[in-house]
PDB file of all heavy atoms in Angstrom:
ATOM      1  N   ALA A   1      15.470  48.551   1.555  1.00  0.00           N
ATOM      2  CA  ALA A   1      15.815  49.967   1.633  1.00  0.00           C
ATOM      3  C   ALA A   1      16.482  50.265   2.974  1.00  0.00           C
ATOM      4  O   ALA A   1      16.276  49.546   3.956  1.00  0.00           O
ATOM      5  CB  ALA A   1      14.564  50.827   1.462  1.00  0.00           C
ATOM      6  N   PRO A   2      17.288  51.326   3.059  1.00  0.00           N
ATOM      7  CA  PRO A   2      17.927  51.683   4.335  1.00  0.00           C
ATOM      8  C   PRO A   2      16.887  51.985   5.406  1.00  0.00           C
ATOM      9  O   PRO A   2      15.802  52.502   5.118  1.00  0.00           O
ATOM     10  CB  PRO A   2      18.745  52.928   3.974  1.00  0.00           C
ATOM     11  CG  PRO A   2      18.942  52.855   2.496  1.00  0.00           C
ATOM     12  CD  PRO A   2      17.710  52.198   1.955  1.00  0.00           C
ATOM     13  N   ALA A   3      17.219  51.674   6.650  1.00  0.00           N
ATOM     14  CA  ALA A   3      16.292  51.894   7.753  1.00  0.00           C
ATOM     15  C   ALA A   3      16.093  53.391   7.991  1.00  0.00           C
ATOM     16  O   ALA A   3      17.014  54.193   7.842  1.00  0.00           O
ATOM     17  CB  ALA A   3      16.816  51.230   9.019  1.00  0.00           C
ATOM     18  N   ALA A   4      14.869  53.764   8.355  1.00  0.00           N
ATOM     19  CA  ALA A   4      14.550  55.157   8.679  1.00  0.00           C
ATOM     20  C   ALA A   4      13.654  55.167   9.917  1.00  0.00           C
ATOM     21  O   ALA A   4      12.809  54.294  10.090  1.00  0.00           O
ATOM     22  CB  ALA A   4      13.843  55.832   7.507  1.00  0.00           C
ATOM     23  N   HIS A   5      13.850  56.148  10.811  1.00  0.00           N
ATOM     24  CA  HIS A   5      13.030  56.286  12.009  1.00  0.00           C
ATOM     25  C   HIS A   5      11.781  57.090  11.656  1.00  0.00           C
ATOM     26  O   HIS A   5      11.854  58.283  11.349  1.00  0.00           O
ATOM     27  CB  HIS A   5      13.812  56.966  13.132  1.00  0.00           C
ATOM     28  CG  HIS A   5      14.762  56.041  13.826  1.00  0.00           C
ATOM     29  ND1 HIS A   5      15.970  55.680  13.270  1.00  0.00           N
ATOM     30  CD2 HIS A   5      14.663  55.374  15.022  1.00  0.00           C
ATOM     31  CE1 HIS A   5      16.593  54.845  14.096  1.00  0.00           C
ATOM     32  NE2 HIS A   5      15.828  54.647  15.160  1.00  0.00           N
ATOM     33  N   VAL A   6      10.641  56.416  11.677  1.00  0.00           N
ATOM     34  CA  VAL A   6       9.388  57.045  11.273  1.00  0.00           C
ATOM     35  C   VAL A   6       8.303  56.727  12.296  1.00  0.00           C
ATOM     36  O   VAL A   6       8.435  55.793  13.106  1.00  0.00           O
ATOM     37  CB  VAL A   6       8.945  56.553   9.873  1.00  0.00           C
ATOM     38  CG1 VAL A   6       9.954  56.955   8.814  1.00  0.00           C
ATOM     39  CG2 VAL A   6       8.749  55.038   9.863  1.00  0.00           C
ATOM     40  N   LEU A   7       7.236  57.516  12.266  1.00  0.00           N
ATOM     41  CA  LEU A   7       6.069  57.244  13.092  1.00  0.00           C
ATOM     42  C   LEU A   7       5.363  56.019  12.518  1.00  0.00           C
ATOM     43  O   LEU A   7       5.057  55.987  11.314  1.00  0.00           O
ATOM     44  CB  LEU A   7       5.138  58.446  13.088  1.00  0.00           C
ATOM     45  CG  LEU A   7       4.167  58.594  14.260  1.00  0.00           C
ATOM     46  CD1 LEU A   7       4.935  58.835  15.553  1.00  0.00           C
ATOM     47  CD2 LEU A   7       3.190  59.725  13.993  1.00  0.00           C
ATOM     48  N   ALA A   8       5.114  55.001  13.355  1.00  0.00           N
ATOM     49  CA  ALA A   8       4.569  53.752  12.819  1.00  0.00           C
ATOM     50  C   ALA A   8       3.600  53.132  13.811  1.00  0.00           C
ATOM     51  O   ALA A   8       3.674  53.368  15.023  1.00  0.00           O
ATOM     52  CB  ALA A   8       5.694  52.774  12.491  1.00  0.00           C
ATOM     53  N   VAL A   9       2.682  52.324  13.270  1.00  0.00           N
ATOM     54  CA  VAL A   9       1.712  51.577  14.068  1.00  0.00           C
ATOM     55  C   VAL A   9       1.680  50.146  13.553  1.00  0.00           C
ATOM     56  O   VAL A   9       2.099  49.876  12.422  1.00  0.00           O
ATOM     57  CB  VAL A   9       0.301  52.203  13.976  1.00  0.00           C
ATOM     58  CG1 VAL A   9       0.290  53.610  14.543  1.00  0.00           C
ATOM     59  CG2 VAL A   9      -0.206  52.189  12.543  1.00  0.00           C
ATOM     60  N   PRO A  10       1.204  49.189  14.364  1.00  0.00           N
ATOM     61  CA  PRO A  10       1.077  47.813  13.867  1.00  0.00           C
ATOM     62  C   PRO A  10       0.178  47.763  12.631  1.00  0.00           C
ATOM     63  O   PRO A  10      -0.895  48.390  12.606  1.00  0.00           O
ATOM     64  CB  PRO A  10       0.453  47.064  15.043  1.00  0.00           C
ATOM     65  CG  PRO A  10       0.836  47.867  16.244  1.00  0.00           C
ATOM     66  CD  PRO A  10       0.835  49.292  15.788  1.00  0.00           C
ATOM     67  N   THR A  11       0.611  47.035  11.625  1.00  0.00           N
ATOM     68  CA  THR A  11      -0.168  46.955  10.388  1.00  0.00           C
ATOM     69  C   THR A  11      -1.556  46.395  10.638  1.00  0.00           C
ATOM     70  O   THR A  11      -2.533  46.823  10.028  1.00  0.00           O
ATOM     71  CB  THR A  11       0.583  46.083   9.365  1.00  0.00           C
ATOM     72  OG1 THR A  11       1.871  46.660   9.112  1.00  0.00           O
ATOM     73  CG2 THR A  11      -0.181  45.992   8.066  1.00  0.00           C
ATOM     74  N   GLY A  12      -1.680  45.450  11.568  1.00  0.00           N
ATOM     75  CA  GLY A  12      -2.972  44.847  11.859  1.00  0.00           C
ATOM     76  C   GLY A  12      -3.968  45.780  12.507  1.00  0.00           C
ATOM     77  O   GLY A  12      -5.160  45.469  12.573  1.00  0.00           O
ATOM     78  N   SER A  13      -3.502  46.930  13.021  1.00  0.00           N
ATOM     79  CA  SER A  13      -4.420  47.886  13.655  1.00  0.00           C
ATOM     80  C   SER A  13      -5.118  48.775  12.639  1.00  0.00           C
ATOM     81  O   SER A  13      -6.042  49.502  12.992  1.00  0.00           O
ATOM     82  CB  SER A  13      -3.647  48.766  14.647  1.00  0.00           C
ATOM     83  OG  SER A  13      -2.729  49.614  13.947  1.00  0.00           O
ATOM     84  N   ILE A  14      -4.687  48.728  11.381  1.00  0.00           N
ATOM     85  CA  ILE A  14      -5.238  49.603  10.350  1.00  0.00           C
ATOM     86  C   ILE A  14      -6.372  48.898   9.635  1.00  0.00           C
ATOM     87  O   ILE A  14      -6.237  47.764   9.181  1.00  0.00           O
ATOM     88  CB  ILE A  14      -4.147  50.010   9.333  1.00  0.00           C
ATOM     89  CG1 ILE A  14      -2.979  50.689  10.050  1.00  0.00           C
ATOM     90  CG2 ILE A  14      -4.723  50.924   8.259  1.00  0.00           C
ATOM     91  CD1 ILE A  14      -1.800  50.967   9.149  1.00  0.00           C
ATOM     92  N   LEU A  15      -7.512  49.581   9.546  1.00  0.00           N
ATOM     93  CA  LEU A  15      -8.669  49.078   8.809  1.00  0.00           C
ATOM     94  C   LEU A  15      -8.785  49.862   7.516  1.00  0.00           C
ATOM     95  O   LEU A  15      -8.707  51.087   7.515  1.00  0.00           O
ATOM     96  CB  LEU A  15      -9.949  49.232   9.628  1.00  0.00           C
ATOM     97  CG  LEU A  15      -9.908  48.635  11.046  1.00  0.00           C
ATOM     98  CD1 LEU A  15     -11.209  48.927  11.772  1.00  0.00           C
ATOM     99  CD2 LEU A  15      -9.662  47.148  10.984  1.00  0.00           C
ATOM    100  N   SER A  16      -8.961  49.152   6.417  1.00  0.00           N
ATOM    101  CA  SER A  16      -9.026  49.797   5.108  1.00  0.00           C
ATOM    102  C   SER A  16     -10.431  49.711   4.545  1.00  0.00           C
ATOM    103  O   SER A  16     -11.057  48.647   4.567  1.00  0.00           O
ATOM    104  CB  SER A  16      -8.037  49.139   4.138  1.00  0.00           C
ATOM    105  OG  SER A  16      -8.186  49.683   2.847  1.00  0.00           O
ATOM    106  N   THR A  17     -10.931  50.836   4.039  1.00  0.00           N
ATOM    107  CA  THR A  17     -12.230  50.858   3.367  1.00  0.00           C
ATOM    108  C   THR A  17     -12.086  50.751   1.863  1.00  0.00           C
ATOM    109  O   THR A  17     -13.070  50.724   1.151  1.00  0.00           O
ATOM    110  CB  THR A  17     -12.971  52.169   3.686  1.00  0.00           C
ATOM    111  OG1 THR A  17     -12.273  53.251   3.039  1.00  0.00           O
ATOM    112  CG2 THR A  17     -13.041  52.417   5.168  1.00  0.00           C
ATOM    113  N   GLY A  18     -10.859  50.729   1.384  1.00  0.00           N
ATOM    114  CA  GLY A  18     -10.618  50.795  -0.052  1.00  0.00           C
ATOM    115  C   GLY A  18     -10.395  52.223  -0.495  1.00  0.00           C
ATOM    116  O   GLY A  18      -9.719  52.473  -1.486  1.00  0.00           O
ATOM    117  N   LYS A  19     -10.957  53.189   0.245  1.00  0.00           N
ATOM    118  CA  LYS A  19     -10.782  54.607  -0.055  1.00  0.00           C
ATOM    119  C   LYS A  19      -9.906  55.300   0.982  1.00  0.00           C
ATOM    120  O   LYS A  19      -9.301  56.322   0.698  1.00  0.00           O
ATOM    121  CB  LYS A  19     -12.146  55.308  -0.091  1.00  0.00           C
ATOM    122  CG  LYS A  19     -13.095  54.747  -1.141  1.00  0.00           C
ATOM    123  CD  LYS A  19     -14.444  55.460  -1.065  1.00  0.00           C
ATOM    124  CE  LYS A  19     -15.428  54.889  -2.062  1.00  0.00           C
ATOM    125  NZ  LYS A  19     -16.760  55.538  -1.974  1.00  0.00           N
ATOM    126  N   ARG A  20      -9.874  54.754   2.193  1.00  0.00           N
ATOM    127  CA  ARG A  20      -9.124  55.398   3.255  1.00  0.00           C
ATOM    128  C   ARG A  20      -8.673  54.352   4.260  1.00  0.00           C
ATOM    129  O   ARG A  20      -9.159  53.212   4.273  1.00  0.00           O
ATOM    130  CB  ARG A  20      -9.974  56.459   3.953  1.00  0.00           C
ATOM    131  CG  ARG A  20     -11.234  55.891   4.580  1.00  0.00           C
ATOM    132  CD  ARG A  20     -12.021  56.931   5.340  1.00  0.00           C
ATOM    133  NE  ARG A  20     -13.207  56.346   5.962  1.00  0.00           N
ATOM    134  CZ  ARG A  20     -13.896  56.933   6.934  1.00  0.00           C
ATOM    135  NH1 ARG A  20     -13.517  58.107   7.386  1.00  0.00           N
ATOM    136  NH2 ARG A  20     -14.961  56.352   7.459  1.00  0.00           N
ATOM    137  N   ALA A  21      -7.714  54.743   5.113  1.00  0.00           N
ATOM    138  CA  ALA A  21      -7.218  53.893   6.182  1.00  0.00           C
ATOM    139  C   ALA A  21      -7.670  54.473   7.512  1.00  0.00           C
ATOM    140  O   ALA A  21      -7.596  55.686   7.730  1.00  0.00           O
ATOM    141  CB  ALA A  21      -5.703  53.779   6.121  1.00  0.00           C
ATOM    142  N   VAL A  22      -8.138  53.626   8.421  1.00  0.00           N
ATOM    143  CA  VAL A  22      -8.724  54.066   9.686  1.00  0.00           C
ATOM    144  C   VAL A  22      -8.081  53.302  10.835  1.00  0.00           C
ATOM    145  O   VAL A  22      -7.830  52.092  10.731  1.00  0.00           O
ATOM    146  CB  VAL A  22     -10.252  53.839   9.694  1.00  0.00           C
ATOM    147  CG1 VAL A  22     -10.855  54.199  11.052  1.00  0.00           C
ATOM    148  CG2 VAL A  22     -10.917  54.644   8.587  1.00  0.00           C
ATOM    149  N   VAL A  23      -7.808  54.005  11.941  1.00  0.00           N
ATOM    150  CA  VAL A  23      -7.432  53.369  13.199  1.00  0.00           C
ATOM    151  C   VAL A  23      -8.385  53.866  14.273  1.00  0.00           C
ATOM    152  O   VAL A  23      -9.006  54.925  14.141  1.00  0.00           O
ATOM    153  CB  VAL A  23      -5.971  53.684  13.592  1.00  0.00           C
ATOM    154  CG1 VAL A  23      -4.994  53.089  12.598  1.00  0.00           C
ATOM    155  CG2 VAL A  23      -5.752  55.185  13.736  1.00  0.00           C
ATOM    156  N   TRP A  24      -8.504  53.092  15.346  1.00  0.00           N
ATOM    157  CA  TRP A  24      -9.359  53.474  16.461  1.00  0.00           C
ATOM    158  C   TRP A  24      -8.487  54.034  17.585  1.00  0.00           C
ATOM    159  O   TRP A  24      -7.639  53.332  18.138  1.00  0.00           O
ATOM    160  CB  TRP A  24     -10.164  52.273  16.953  1.00  0.00           C
ATOM    161  CG  TRP A  24     -11.259  51.895  15.998  1.00  0.00           C
ATOM    162  CD1 TRP A  24     -11.176  51.024  14.969  1.00  0.00           C
ATOM    163  CD2 TRP A  24     -12.577  52.413  15.994  1.00  0.00           C
ATOM    164  NE1 TRP A  24     -12.367  50.957  14.292  1.00  0.00           N
ATOM    165  CE2 TRP A  24     -13.261  51.803  14.905  1.00  0.00           C
ATOM    166  CE3 TRP A  24     -13.270  53.340  16.780  1.00  0.00           C
ATOM    167  CZ2 TRP A  24     -14.587  52.079  14.602  1.00  0.00           C
ATOM    168  CZ3 TRP A  24     -14.599  53.615  16.481  1.00  0.00           C
ATOM    169  CH2 TRP A  24     -15.247  53.000  15.402  1.00  0.00           C
ATOM    170  N   VAL A  25      -8.705  55.310  17.896  1.00  0.00           N
ATOM    171  CA  VAL A  25      -7.912  56.021  18.906  1.00  0.00           C
ATOM    172  C   VAL A  25      -8.662  55.992  20.237  1.00  0.00           C
ATOM    173  O   VAL A  25      -9.867  56.283  20.293  1.00  0.00           O
ATOM    174  CB  VAL A  25      -7.647  57.475  18.473  1.00  0.00           C
ATOM    175  CG1 VAL A  25      -6.830  58.203  19.532  1.00  0.00           C
ATOM    176  CG2 VAL A  25      -6.937  57.502  17.128  1.00  0.00           C
ATOM    177  N   GLU A  26      -7.957  55.645  21.314  1.00  0.00           N
ATOM    178  CA  GLU A  26      -8.573  55.624  22.641  1.00  0.00           C
ATOM    179  C   GLU A  26      -8.675  57.059  23.154  1.00  0.00           C
ATOM    180  O   GLU A  26      -7.672  57.715  23.419  1.00  0.00           O
ATOM    181  CB  GLU A  26      -7.758  54.764  23.605  1.00  0.00           C
ATOM    182  CG  GLU A  26      -8.463  54.540  24.929  1.00  0.00           C
ATOM    183  CD  GLU A  26      -7.731  53.550  25.810  1.00  0.00           C
ATOM    184  OE1 GLU A  26      -6.484  53.461  25.670  1.00  0.00           O
ATOM    185  OE2 GLU A  26      -8.379  52.875  26.644  1.00  0.00           O
ATOM    186  N   THR A  27      -9.916  57.563  23.288  1.00  0.00           N
ATOM    187  CA  THR A  27     -10.153  58.945  23.697  1.00  0.00           C
ATOM    188  C   THR A  27     -10.512  59.069  25.167  1.00  0.00           C
ATOM    189  O   THR A  27     -10.617  60.175  25.697  1.00  0.00           O
ATOM    190  CB  THR A  27     -11.280  59.554  22.849  1.00  0.00           C
ATOM    191  OG1 THR A  27     -12.454  58.730  22.979  1.00  0.00           O
ATOM    192  CG2 THR A  27     -10.867  59.621  21.385  1.00  0.00           C
ATOM    193  N   GLY A  28     -10.749  57.959  25.812  1.00  0.00           N
ATOM    194  CA  GLY A  28     -11.089  57.936  27.237  1.00  0.00           C
ATOM    195  C   GLY A  28     -11.101  56.493  27.696  1.00  0.00           C
ATOM    196  O   GLY A  28     -10.790  55.575  26.931  1.00  0.00           O
ATOM    197  N   GLU A  29     -11.478  56.291  28.941  1.00  0.00           N
ATOM    198  CA  GLU A  29     -11.507  54.931  29.457  1.00  0.00           C
ATOM    199  C   GLU A  29     -12.551  54.108  28.714  1.00  0.00           C
ATOM    200  O   GLU A  29     -13.746  54.408  28.770  1.00  0.00           O
ATOM    201  CB  GLU A  29     -11.795  54.934  30.959  1.00  0.00           C
ATOM    202  CG  GLU A  29     -11.700  53.546  31.586  1.00  0.00           C
ATOM    203  CD  GLU A  29     -11.877  53.582  33.090  1.00  0.00           C
ATOM    204  OE1 GLU A  29     -12.108  54.683  33.629  1.00  0.00           O
ATOM    205  OE2 GLU A  29     -11.796  52.518  33.707  1.00  0.00           O
ATOM    206  N   ASN A  30     -12.087  53.104  27.954  1.00  0.00           N
ATOM    207  CA  ASN A  30     -12.960  52.208  27.182  1.00  0.00           C
ATOM    208  C   ASN A  30     -13.763  52.946  26.121  1.00  0.00           C
ATOM    209  O   ASN A  30     -14.819  52.463  25.685  1.00  0.00           O
ATOM    210  CB  ASN A  30     -13.906  51.426  28.105  1.00  0.00           C
ATOM    211  CG  ASN A  30     -13.153  50.470  29.007  1.00  0.00           C
ATOM    212  OD1 ASN A  30     -12.133  49.909  28.599  1.00  0.00           O
ATOM    213  ND2 ASN A  30     -13.637  50.300  30.233  1.00  0.00           N
ATOM    214  N   ARG A  31     -13.271  54.120  25.701  1.00  0.00           N
ATOM    215  CA  ARG A  31     -13.923  54.859  24.618  1.00  0.00           C
ATOM    216  C   ARG A  31     -12.944  54.979  23.453  1.00  0.00           C
ATOM    217  O   ARG A  31     -11.769  55.324  23.632  1.00  0.00           O
ATOM    218  CB  ARG A  31     -14.351  56.261  25.060  1.00  0.00           C
ATOM    219  CG  ARG A  31     -15.494  56.264  26.051  1.00  0.00           C
ATOM    220  CD  ARG A  31     -16.253  57.607  26.011  1.00  0.00           C
ATOM    221  NE  ARG A  31     -15.365  58.753  26.048  1.00  0.00           N
ATOM    222  CZ  ARG A  31     -14.926  59.327  27.174  1.00  0.00           C
ATOM    223  NH1 ARG A  31     -15.276  58.833  28.330  1.00  0.00           N
ATOM    224  NH2 ARG A  31     -14.136  60.378  27.111  1.00  0.00           N
ATOM    225  N   PHE A  32     -13.437  54.699  22.239  1.00  0.00           N
ATOM    226  CA  PHE A  32     -12.596  54.701  21.052  1.00  0.00           C
ATOM    227  C   PHE A  32     -13.272  55.484  19.934  1.00  0.00           C
ATOM    228  O   PHE A  32     -14.481  55.377  19.722  1.00  0.00           O
ATOM    229  CB  PHE A  32     -12.331  53.265  20.581  1.00  0.00           C
ATOM    230  CG  PHE A  32     -11.538  52.449  21.553  1.00  0.00           C
ATOM    231  CD1 PHE A  32     -12.171  51.744  22.571  1.00  0.00           C
ATOM    232  CD2 PHE A  32     -10.156  52.402  21.468  1.00  0.00           C
ATOM    233  CE1 PHE A  32     -11.444  51.001  23.480  1.00  0.00           C
ATOM    234  CE2 PHE A  32      -9.421  51.659  22.366  1.00  0.00           C
ATOM    235  CZ  PHE A  32     -10.074  50.958  23.376  1.00  0.00           C
ATOM    236  N   SER A  33     -12.460  56.275  19.246  1.00  0.00           N
ATOM    237  CA  SER A  33     -12.971  57.109  18.157  1.00  0.00           C
ATOM    238  C   SER A  33     -12.198  56.786  16.880  1.00  0.00           C
ATOM    239  O   SER A  33     -10.967  56.624  16.914  1.00  0.00           O
ATOM    240  CB  SER A  33     -12.793  58.589  18.507  1.00  0.00           C
ATOM    241  OG  SER A  33     -13.263  59.408  17.445  1.00  0.00           O
ATOM    242  N   PRO A  34     -12.884  56.690  15.735  1.00  0.00           N
ATOM    243  CA  PRO A  34     -12.185  56.380  14.479  1.00  0.00           C
ATOM    244  C   PRO A  34     -11.382  57.579  13.994  1.00  0.00           C
ATOM    245  O   PRO A  34     -11.811  58.724  14.123  1.00  0.00           O
ATOM    246  CB  PRO A  34     -13.321  56.036  13.515  1.00  0.00           C
ATOM    247  CG  PRO A  34     -14.490  56.801  14.033  1.00  0.00           C
ATOM    248  CD  PRO A  34     -14.336  56.833  15.527  1.00  0.00           C
TER     249      PRO A  34
END
């Protein structure tokens, strides 16, 4: 398909539960929130 500029993240950073997709966001120094 033709290239499009979109918001993207590395595929390996996404965790799948089968019902939803989750990434861990850095909210502070060494703190991560799903």
